[in-house]
Amino acid sequence: MLRTLRSTRAVLRAPAAPQQQRRALSIHEYQSMELLGKYQIPVPRSVAAHSPEEAFKAAQSFEGKGMVIKAQVLAGGRGKGHFEGGLQGGVHLIKTAEEARDYASKMIGHKLITKQTGAGGRICNAIMLAEMRAPAHEYYVAVLNDRATQLPVLVASNQGGMNIEDVARDTPDAIITTPIDFEKGLTNEKALEVAAKLGFSSKELEQSAADTFIKLYNLFKDKDATQVEINPLAESKDGAVLCMDAKLGFDDNAEFRQKDIFDLRDVSQEDPDEVEAAKSGLNFIKLDGNIGCLVNGAGLAMATMDTLKLNGGNPANFLDVGGGATAEAVKTAFELLLSANPKSLFVNIFGGIMRCDVIAEGIIQATKELDMTVPLVVRLQGTKEAEAKQMIKDSKMKIFAFDDLDEAAAKAVEAAAKGSL
């Protein structure tokens, strides 16, 4: 999903915005296909299986017709990836139920490594079998939110089946971006206009494509989606418009009204520490450095990491405790930080909504209960600053407090290099 979000931002040429962690639910391809089907959006027949025997039985239902078997892992580049057991590729063409069982046994329960997963890979818990429908031409279509126009947009191209960012780089004129009026929705007239530009082989197929665009937008709006990406959308050789692959993302802020969608969440595809952080209301992303960072506010977190880099250090994570963290949540944050075995810890808090004394209480509690030996550098400014500093002083613990950000960052870098202060 991250590849898709980055590529579509490039396609839409949206203005630069401050980076911050964004939680958006992704669901598996087989789940996306089922959801498309509920909106009467044409897709190839597909069946999911969670074991080799299920795959065997599912393949029998295709009655000898050609199939595609796809590993269900939330990452791009599955076809070019490889499994830890040695199987090359997470997408294969097959003809028999025996092949389905054989491939499923090499996929299910094994980790698939792609460019997006990193070296650790992601576990494959299911496969999807889909009927083979040969495309005569492949297109790209997506419905997204565009920050520039403050509207949903339909993004389409007659160059589908490839990375959209490559199309944006090499032939940007091949991408059609159409704003959608939020009140009126996507009209048949607008949808037909886009379909005509894409170049389907008949008026009937143009109308079929336009109907598909409208239904995709309705899904996007009804389900609080952040993206609905179809790549490829195909005109098949047997004369149909089909969504051959789908990547759907949904706004976590809408979880309260989209329970059926969020029940589809597969936490096995997420980093366990990031899942645990979310339970405590923490925004946590692992990085590859050796200085653990605890900060409040995404902007301050980015500035803190930049300052560490300017001083020659490398942050081990992005961790934003937000404005409503408790002392217990701060302790949880320290547990997450220590799980990466950092060489030093840097706490940088600006007390606004988040009071410095609450952070100090959490720091002291964590230092005692976790028996921390990692050098801890702290910078506390703002609400209840004096009280927080006094609490740290009274604790008589090895917590090194500073007022200046640059000085504090330099000390955290020094501590990481030396292992002490």
Protein backbone atom coordinates (compact mmCIF):
# COMPACT_ATOMS: atom_id res chain seq x y z
CA MET A 1 0.00 0.00 0.00
CA LEU A 2 2.78 2.42 0.78
CA ARG A 3 4.03 2.20 -2.86
CA THR A 4 0.53 3.04 -4.09
CA LEU A 5 0.12 6.06 -1.85
CA ARG A 6 3.49 7.46 -2.86
CA SER A 7 2.90 6.85 -6.55
CA THR A 8 -0.54 8.40 -6.61
CA ARG A 9 0.72 11.49 -4.80
CA ALA A 10 3.29 11.82 -7.58
CA VAL A 11 0.64 11.30 -10.24
CA LEU A 12 -1.63 13.94 -8.79
CA ARG A 13 1.28 16.37 -8.34
CA ALA A 14 -0.10 17.41 -4.98
CA PRO A 15 1.77 20.15 -3.09
CA ALA A 16 4.34 19.00 -0.59
CA ALA A 17 2.94 18.38 2.89
CA PRO A 18 4.58 17.72 6.27
CA GLN A 19 5.21 14.02 6.80
CA GLN A 20 3.40 12.22 9.56
CA GLN A 21 2.37 8.68 10.27
CA ARG A 22 -0.85 7.77 8.57
CA ARG A 23 -2.78 4.72 9.61
CA ALA A 24 -4.91 3.35 6.80
CA LEU A 25 -6.27 -0.18 6.80
CA SER A 26 -5.26 -2.40 3.88
CA ILE A 27 -7.09 -5.62 3.10
CA HIS A 28 -6.08 -8.67 1.09
CA GLU A 29 -6.77 -8.97 -2.61
CA TYR A 30 -9.34 -11.76 -2.17
CA GLN A 31 -11.21 -9.58 0.34
CA SER A 32 -11.06 -6.66 -2.07
CA MET A 33 -12.47 -8.83 -4.86
CA GLU A 34 -15.34 -9.93 -2.62
CA LEU A 35 -16.11 -6.30 -1.79
CA LEU A 36 -16.03 -5.31 -5.46
CA GLY A 37 -18.48 -8.11 -6.14
CA LYS A 38 -20.92 -6.71 -3.59
CA TYR A 39 -21.01 -3.52 -5.65
CA GLN A 40 -21.69 -5.49 -8.85
CA ILE A 41 -18.27 -4.51 -10.18
CA PRO A 42 -17.12 -7.09 -12.76
CA VAL A 43 -14.18 -9.23 -11.60
CA PRO A 44 -12.81 -12.63 -12.65
CA ARG A 45 -14.18 -15.47 -10.57
CA SER A 46 -11.90 -16.00 -7.58
CA VAL A 47 -11.74 -18.24 -4.51
CA ALA A 48 -9.54 -17.97 -1.41
CA ALA A 49 -7.96 -20.94 0.35
CA HIS A 50 -6.13 -21.17 3.67
CA SER A 51 -4.56 -24.61 3.28
CA PRO A 52 -3.21 -26.79 0.46
CA GLU A 53 -6.26 -29.07 0.68
CA GLU A 54 -8.62 -26.09 0.48
CA ALA A 55 -6.68 -24.93 -2.58
CA PHE A 56 -7.06 -28.39 -4.14
CA LYS A 57 -10.83 -28.42 -3.63
CA ALA A 58 -11.20 -24.82 -4.78
CA ALA A 59 -9.24 -25.54 -7.95
CA GLN A 60 -11.51 -28.47 -8.77
CA SER A 61 -14.44 -26.05 -8.97
CA PHE A 62 -12.78 -24.35 -11.97
CA GLU A 63 -13.43 -27.57 -13.95
CA GLY A 64 -10.10 -27.72 -15.73
CA LYS A 65 -10.00 -24.10 -16.82
CA GLY A 66 -6.77 -22.16 -16.50
CA MET A 67 -6.18 -20.37 -13.19
CA VAL A 68 -3.87 -17.88 -11.54
CA ILE A 69 -2.68 -18.66 -8.03
CA LYS A 70 -1.69 -15.59 -6.00
CA ALA A 71 -0.06 -15.43 -2.58
CA GLN A 72 -2.13 -13.22 -0.27
CA VAL A 73 0.43 -10.94 1.34
CA LEU A 74 -0.04 -7.21 1.92
CA ALA A 75 2.89 -6.04 -0.17
CA GLY A 76 3.53 -5.01 -3.75
CA GLY A 77 5.82 -6.88 -6.11
CA ARG A 78 4.50 -10.33 -5.19
CA GLY A 79 5.10 -11.73 -8.66
CA LYS A 80 8.79 -10.82 -8.54
CA GLY A 81 9.30 -11.86 -4.92
CA HIS A 82 10.50 -15.16 -3.49
CA PHE A 83 9.57 -17.38 -0.56
CA GLU A 84 11.93 -18.27 2.24
CA GLY A 85 11.50 -21.93 1.23
CA GLY A 86 12.92 -21.23 -2.22
CA LEU A 87 9.84 -20.83 -4.43
CA GLN A 88 10.34 -17.98 -6.87
CA GLY A 89 7.36 -15.68 -7.39
CA GLY A 90 4.09 -15.26 -5.52
CA VAL A 91 1.94 -15.38 -8.69
CA HIS A 92 1.77 -18.39 -11.05
CA LEU A 93 -0.35 -19.69 -13.91
CA ILE A 94 -1.67 -23.21 -13.28
CA LYS A 95 -4.03 -25.70 -14.93
CA THR A 96 -4.73 -28.47 -12.42
CA ALA A 97 -5.93 -28.93 -8.84
CA GLU A 98 -2.73 -30.84 -8.11
CA GLU A 99 -0.66 -27.82 -9.14
CA ALA A 100 -2.83 -25.64 -6.92
CA ARG A 101 -2.16 -27.88 -3.92
CA ASP A 102 1.56 -28.05 -4.66
CA TYR A 103 2.00 -24.29 -5.01
CA ALA A 104 -0.22 -23.62 -1.98
CA SER A 105 1.95 -25.92 0.15
CA LYS A 106 5.00 -23.84 -0.80
CA MET A 107 3.23 -20.53 -0.13
CA ILE A 108 0.93 -20.93 2.87
CA GLY A 109 2.80 -20.73 6.15
CA HIS A 110 5.93 -19.36 4.48
CA LYS A 111 7.25 -15.79 4.27
CA LEU A 112 7.25 -13.96 0.96
CA ILE A 113 10.10 -11.49 0.48
CA THR A 114 9.55 -8.60 -1.95
CA LYS A 115 11.04 -5.15 -2.43
CA GLN A 116 8.35 -3.78 -0.12
CA THR A 117 8.57 -6.29 2.72
CA GLY A 118 12.28 -5.96 3.42
CA ALA A 119 14.52 -8.93 4.13
CA GLY A 120 12.23 -10.25 6.87
CA GLY A 121 9.35 -10.86 4.46
CA ARG A 122 5.68 -11.30 5.40
CA ILE A 123 3.85 -14.48 6.25
CA CYS A 124 1.44 -15.87 3.66
CA ASN A 125 -1.65 -17.29 5.36
CA ALA A 126 -3.83 -17.68 2.29
CA ILE A 127 -3.80 -17.94 -1.49
CA MET A 128 -6.33 -16.81 -4.07
CA LEU A 129 -7.26 -18.75 -7.17
CA ALA A 130 -8.67 -16.68 -10.03
CA GLU A 131 -9.92 -17.70 -13.45
CA MET A 132 -7.64 -16.84 -16.33
CA ARG A 133 -9.22 -14.16 -18.52
CA ALA A 134 -6.79 -13.12 -21.22
CA PRO A 135 -6.65 -9.32 -21.63
CA ALA A 136 -6.73 -7.64 -25.02
CA HIS A 137 -5.63 -4.39 -23.38
CA GLU A 138 -4.79 -3.31 -19.82
CA TYR A 139 -5.67 0.01 -18.19
CA TYR A 140 -5.11 1.67 -14.83
CA VAL A 141 -7.85 3.29 -12.73
CA ALA A 142 -7.96 4.59 -9.17
CA VAL A 143 -10.19 6.73 -6.98
CA LEU A 144 -8.27 8.86 -4.47
CA ASN A 145 -8.44 12.01 -2.41
CA ASP A 146 -6.57 14.96 -3.92
CA ARG A 147 -5.24 17.53 -1.47
CA ALA A 148 -4.76 20.10 -4.22
CA THR A 149 -8.43 20.26 -5.22
CA GLN A 150 -9.83 19.06 -1.87
CA LEU A 151 -11.92 16.59 -3.85
CA PRO A 152 -11.95 12.91 -4.75
CA VAL A 153 -10.42 12.27 -8.17
CA LEU A 154 -10.61 9.54 -10.76
CA VAL A 155 -7.12 8.73 -12.03
CA ALA A 156 -6.96 6.68 -15.22
CA SER A 157 -4.45 5.63 -17.85
CA ASN A 158 -4.45 3.42 -20.92
CA GLN A 159 -1.08 2.09 -19.74
CA GLY A 160 -2.06 -0.42 -17.09
CA GLY A 161 -0.44 -3.55 -15.73
CA MET A 162 2.73 -1.65 -14.80
CA ASN A 163 3.92 0.66 -12.03
CA ILE A 164 1.92 3.88 -12.33
CA GLU A 165 4.91 5.86 -11.08
CA ASP A 166 6.85 4.71 -14.16
CA VAL A 167 4.01 5.96 -16.37
CA ALA A 168 3.99 9.27 -14.48
CA ARG A 169 7.73 9.64 -15.03
CA ASP A 170 7.98 8.52 -18.65
CA THR A 171 4.65 9.51 -20.21
CA PRO A 172 2.79 11.85 -17.84
CA ASP A 173 0.34 12.82 -20.59
CA ALA A 174 -0.98 9.25 -20.49
CA ILE A 175 -2.51 9.92 -17.07
CA ILE A 176 -6.01 11.43 -16.90
CA THR A 177 -7.02 13.04 -13.61
CA THR A 178 -10.70 13.93 -13.23
CA PRO A 179 -12.01 15.77 -10.11
CA ILE A 180 -15.30 14.41 -8.76
CA ASP A 181 -17.94 16.78 -7.36
CA PHE A 182 -18.56 15.54 -3.83
CA GLU A 183 -22.26 16.43 -3.90
CA LYS A 184 -23.10 15.16 -7.40
CA GLY A 185 -20.73 12.21 -7.39
CA LEU A 186 -19.25 10.77 -10.56
CA THR A 187 -21.80 11.36 -13.33
CA ASN A 188 -22.29 9.03 -16.27
CA GLU A 189 -21.29 11.88 -18.57
CA LYS A 190 -17.93 12.39 -16.81
CA ALA A 191 -17.28 8.65 -16.56
CA LEU A 192 -18.02 8.17 -20.27
CA GLU A 193 -15.69 11.05 -21.13
CA VAL A 194 -12.83 9.29 -19.32
CA ALA A 195 -13.68 5.91 -20.85
CA ALA A 196 -13.66 7.45 -24.35
CA LYS A 197 -10.20 8.93 -23.76
CA LEU A 198 -8.85 5.53 -22.70
CA GLY A 199 -9.74 4.00 -26.05
CA PHE A 200 -11.94 0.93 -25.54
CA SER A 201 -12.74 -1.00 -28.69
CA SER A 202 -16.50 -0.32 -28.74
CA LYS A 203 -19.17 2.04 -27.41
CA GLU A 204 -20.63 -0.85 -25.41
CA LEU A 205 -17.32 -1.42 -23.63
CA GLU A 206 -16.95 2.33 -23.04
CA GLN A 207 -20.29 2.30 -21.23
CA SER A 208 -19.29 -0.80 -19.28
CA ALA A 209 -16.08 0.93 -18.20
CA ALA A 210 -18.00 4.09 -17.25
CA ASP A 211 -20.41 2.01 -15.13
CA THR A 212 -17.40 0.42 -13.42
CA PHE A 213 -15.87 3.84 -12.66
CA ILE A 214 -19.12 5.01 -11.06
CA LYS A 215 -19.43 1.88 -8.91
CA LEU A 216 -15.79 2.18 -7.82
CA TYR A 217 -16.46 5.76 -6.70
CA ASN A 218 -19.61 4.68 -4.84
CA LEU A 219 -17.56 2.06 -2.98
CA PHE A 220 -14.88 4.67 -2.24
CA LYS A 221 -17.44 7.07 -0.73
CA ASP A 222 -19.64 4.53 1.07
CA LYS A 223 -16.75 2.74 2.77
CA ASP A 224 -14.59 5.75 3.74
CA ALA A 225 -11.79 4.51 1.51
CA THR A 226 -8.47 6.31 1.17
CA GLN A 227 -7.78 4.56 -2.13
CA VAL A 228 -9.44 2.23 -4.59
CA GLU A 229 -6.80 1.14 -7.10
CA ILE A 230 -7.41 -1.25 -9.98
CA ASN A 231 -4.27 -2.29 -11.85
CA PRO A 232 -4.99 -3.64 -14.31
CA LEU A 233 -8.49 -2.90 -15.45
CA ALA A 234 -8.73 -5.06 -18.55
CA GLU A 235 -10.68 -5.27 -21.74
CA SER A 236 -10.64 -9.05 -22.07
CA LYS A 237 -10.35 -10.94 -25.34
CA ASP A 238 -13.81 -12.36 -24.73
CA GLY A 239 -15.30 -8.86 -24.73
CA ALA A 240 -15.67 -7.78 -21.09
CA VAL A 241 -14.35 -5.00 -18.85
CA LEU A 242 -12.88 -6.61 -15.72
CA CYS A 243 -11.07 -5.49 -12.58
CA MET A 244 -8.20 -7.98 -12.62
CA ASP A 245 -6.46 -6.81 -9.43
CA ALA A 246 -7.51 -4.51 -6.60
CA LYS A 247 -5.82 -2.65 -3.77
CA LEU A 248 -8.13 -0.98 -1.30
CA GLY A 249 -7.28 1.20 1.70
CA PHE A 250 -9.60 2.64 4.34
CA ASP A 251 -9.41 5.58 6.74
CA ASP A 252 -8.81 4.38 10.31
CA ASN A 253 -10.73 7.39 11.60
CA ALA A 254 -13.87 5.78 10.14
CA GLU A 255 -13.48 2.48 11.99
CA PHE A 256 -16.47 3.27 14.23
CA ARG A 257 -18.84 3.22 11.24
CA GLN A 258 -17.09 0.62 9.07
CA LYS A 259 -16.99 -2.34 11.43
CA ASP A 260 -17.52 -4.88 8.64
CA ILE A 261 -14.46 -3.55 6.82
CA PHE A 262 -12.22 -3.33 9.88
CA ASP A 263 -13.14 -6.87 10.91
CA LEU A 264 -11.09 -7.88 7.84
CA ARG A 265 -7.85 -6.54 9.34
CA ASP A 266 -4.98 -9.05 9.29
CA VAL A 267 -2.53 -8.09 12.02
CA SER A 268 -0.17 -10.88 10.93
CA GLN A 269 0.77 -8.55 8.05
CA GLU A 270 1.77 -5.73 10.41
CA ASP A 271 4.80 -5.21 12.60
CA PRO A 272 3.92 -6.61 16.07
CA ASP A 273 5.47 -3.62 17.85
CA GLU A 274 3.48 -1.17 15.73
CA VAL A 275 0.29 -3.11 16.49
CA GLU A 276 1.09 -2.99 20.22
CA ALA A 277 1.84 0.73 20.01
CA ALA A 278 -1.51 1.45 18.38
CA LYS A 279 -3.32 -0.22 21.31
CA SER A 280 -1.85 2.45 23.58
CA GLY A 281 -2.56 5.28 21.17
CA LEU A 282 1.09 5.60 20.15
CA ASN A 283 2.31 6.33 16.63
CA PHE A 284 5.35 4.10 16.20
CA ILE A 285 7.45 3.29 13.13
CA LYS A 286 10.71 1.36 13.21
CA LEU A 287 13.80 2.77 11.52
CA ASP A 288 17.33 1.39 11.19
CA GLY A 289 19.32 3.64 13.55
CA ASN A 290 20.53 3.15 17.12
CA ILE A 291 19.01 6.12 19.03
CA GLY A 292 15.53 5.49 20.40
CA CYS A 293 13.29 8.59 20.18
CA LEU A 294 10.21 9.47 22.22
CA VAL A 295 8.56 12.71 21.14
CA ASN A 296 5.10 14.31 21.21
CA GLY A 297 3.77 15.63 17.92
CA ALA A 298 4.64 14.47 14.41
CA GLY A 299 6.31 17.76 13.46
CA LEU A 300 8.54 17.77 16.54
CA ALA A 301 9.34 14.10 15.93
CA MET A 302 10.55 14.88 12.41
CA ALA A 303 12.56 17.87 13.66
CA THR A 304 14.09 15.70 16.40
CA MET A 305 15.17 13.04 13.93
CA ASP A 306 16.61 15.70 11.62
CA THR A 307 18.57 17.21 14.51
CA LEU A 308 19.97 13.81 15.45
CA LYS A 309 21.08 13.30 11.84
CA LEU A 310 22.67 16.76 11.73
CA ASN A 311 24.68 15.79 14.80
CA GLY A 312 25.87 12.57 13.18
CA GLY A 313 23.36 10.19 14.74
CA ASN A 314 20.73 7.80 13.41
CA PRO A 315 17.23 7.51 14.91
CA ALA A 316 16.00 3.99 15.60
CA ASN A 317 12.35 4.91 15.31
CA PHE A 318 9.60 7.47 14.96
CA LEU A 319 7.50 7.47 18.15
CA ASP A 320 4.84 10.11 18.78
CA VAL A 321 3.06 9.76 22.13
CA GLY A 322 0.46 12.34 21.09
CA GLY A 323 -1.33 14.74 23.36
CA GLY A 324 -3.23 12.38 25.62
CA ALA A 325 -0.64 9.84 26.74
CA THR A 326 -0.67 8.50 30.28
CA ALA A 327 2.31 7.50 32.40
CA GLU A 328 1.47 3.87 31.60
CA ALA A 329 1.49 4.62 27.87
CA VAL A 330 4.90 6.26 28.26
CA LYS A 331 6.15 3.10 29.94
CA THR A 332 4.80 1.07 27.00
CA ALA A 333 6.64 3.46 24.70
CA PHE A 334 9.91 2.74 26.50
CA GLU A 335 9.32 -1.00 26.18
CA LEU A 336 8.92 -0.54 22.43
CA LEU A 337 12.05 1.59 22.24
CA LEU A 338 14.14 -0.93 24.17
CA SER A 339 12.97 -3.85 21.98
CA ALA A 340 15.25 -2.53 19.22
CA ASN A 341 18.32 -2.57 21.53
CA PRO A 342 19.21 1.11 21.07
CA LYS A 343 22.54 2.53 22.19
CA SER A 344 20.88 5.59 23.73
CA LEU A 345 17.40 7.06 24.27
CA PHE A 346 16.30 10.61 23.54
CA VAL A 347 13.08 12.05 24.97
CA ASN A 348 12.08 15.42 23.49
CA ILE A 349 8.79 16.82 24.80
CA PHE A 350 7.12 20.16 24.26
CA GLY A 351 4.42 20.39 26.90
CA GLY A 352 1.21 21.78 25.47
CA ILE A 353 -1.76 19.46 25.75
CA MET A 354 0.72 16.81 26.87
CA ARG A 355 2.06 17.85 30.30
CA CYS A 356 5.75 17.44 31.03
CA ASP A 357 5.10 16.06 34.52
CA VAL A 358 3.08 13.15 33.08
CA ILE A 359 5.97 12.33 30.79
CA ALA A 360 8.42 12.61 33.68
CA GLU A 361 6.27 10.24 35.74
CA GLY A 362 6.30 7.73 32.89
CA ILE A 363 10.06 8.10 32.42
CA ILE A 364 10.75 7.46 36.10
CA GLN A 365 8.33 4.53 36.20
CA ALA A 366 9.88 2.97 33.12
CA THR A 367 13.44 3.48 34.36
CA LYS A 368 12.61 1.72 37.64
CA GLU A 369 10.48 -1.13 36.35
CA LEU A 370 12.44 -1.90 33.19
CA ASP A 371 15.80 -1.68 34.94
CA MET A 372 17.15 0.48 32.12
CA THR A 373 20.88 0.71 31.61
CA VAL A 374 20.73 2.53 28.26
CA PRO A 375 21.84 6.21 28.52
CA LEU A 376 18.75 8.42 28.68
CA VAL A 377 18.80 12.05 27.49
CA VAL A 378 15.72 14.17 28.21
CA ARG A 379 14.57 17.60 27.02
CA LEU A 380 11.33 18.87 28.55
CA GLN A 381 9.85 22.27 27.71
CA GLY A 382 6.42 23.82 28.30
CA THR A 383 3.48 22.96 30.55
CA LYS A 384 4.52 21.71 34.00
CA GLU A 385 8.18 21.87 32.93
CA ALA A 386 9.51 22.96 36.36
CA GLU A 387 7.58 20.22 38.15
CA ALA A 388 8.81 17.61 35.70
CA LYS A 389 12.44 18.63 36.09
CA GLN A 390 12.11 18.51 39.86
CA MET A 391 10.61 15.02 39.69
CA ILE A 392 13.54 13.81 37.60
CA LYS A 393 16.03 15.46 39.94
CA ASP A 394 14.39 13.94 43.03
CA SER A 395 14.41 10.47 41.46
CA LYS A 396 18.23 10.48 41.65
CA MET A 397 18.34 8.35 38.53
CA LYS A 398 20.81 8.60 35.68
CA ILE A 399 18.60 10.75 33.49
CA PHE A 400 20.48 13.53 31.71
CA ALA A 401 18.32 16.63 31.26
CA PHE A 402 18.99 19.50 28.82
CA ASP A 403 17.13 22.63 27.73
CA ASP A 404 18.63 23.18 24.27
CA LEU A 405 17.53 20.82 21.50
CA ASP A 406 20.81 20.82 19.62
CA GLU A 407 22.83 20.24 22.78
CA ALA A 408 20.51 17.43 23.88
CA ALA A 409 20.67 15.76 20.45
CA ALA A 410 24.46 15.99 20.45
CA LYS A 411 24.58 14.29 23.86
CA ALA A 412 22.25 11.52 22.68
CA VAL A 413 24.54 10.92 19.69
CA GLU A 414 27.61 10.96 21.95
CA ALA A 415 25.97 8.48 24.33
CA ALA A 416 25.13 6.15 21.45
CA ALA A 417 28.74 6.22 20.29
CA LYS A 418 30.24 5.68 23.75
CA GLY A 419 27.49 3.57 25.31
CA SER A 420 27.43 5.95 28.28
CA LEU A 421 27.57 9.59 29.37
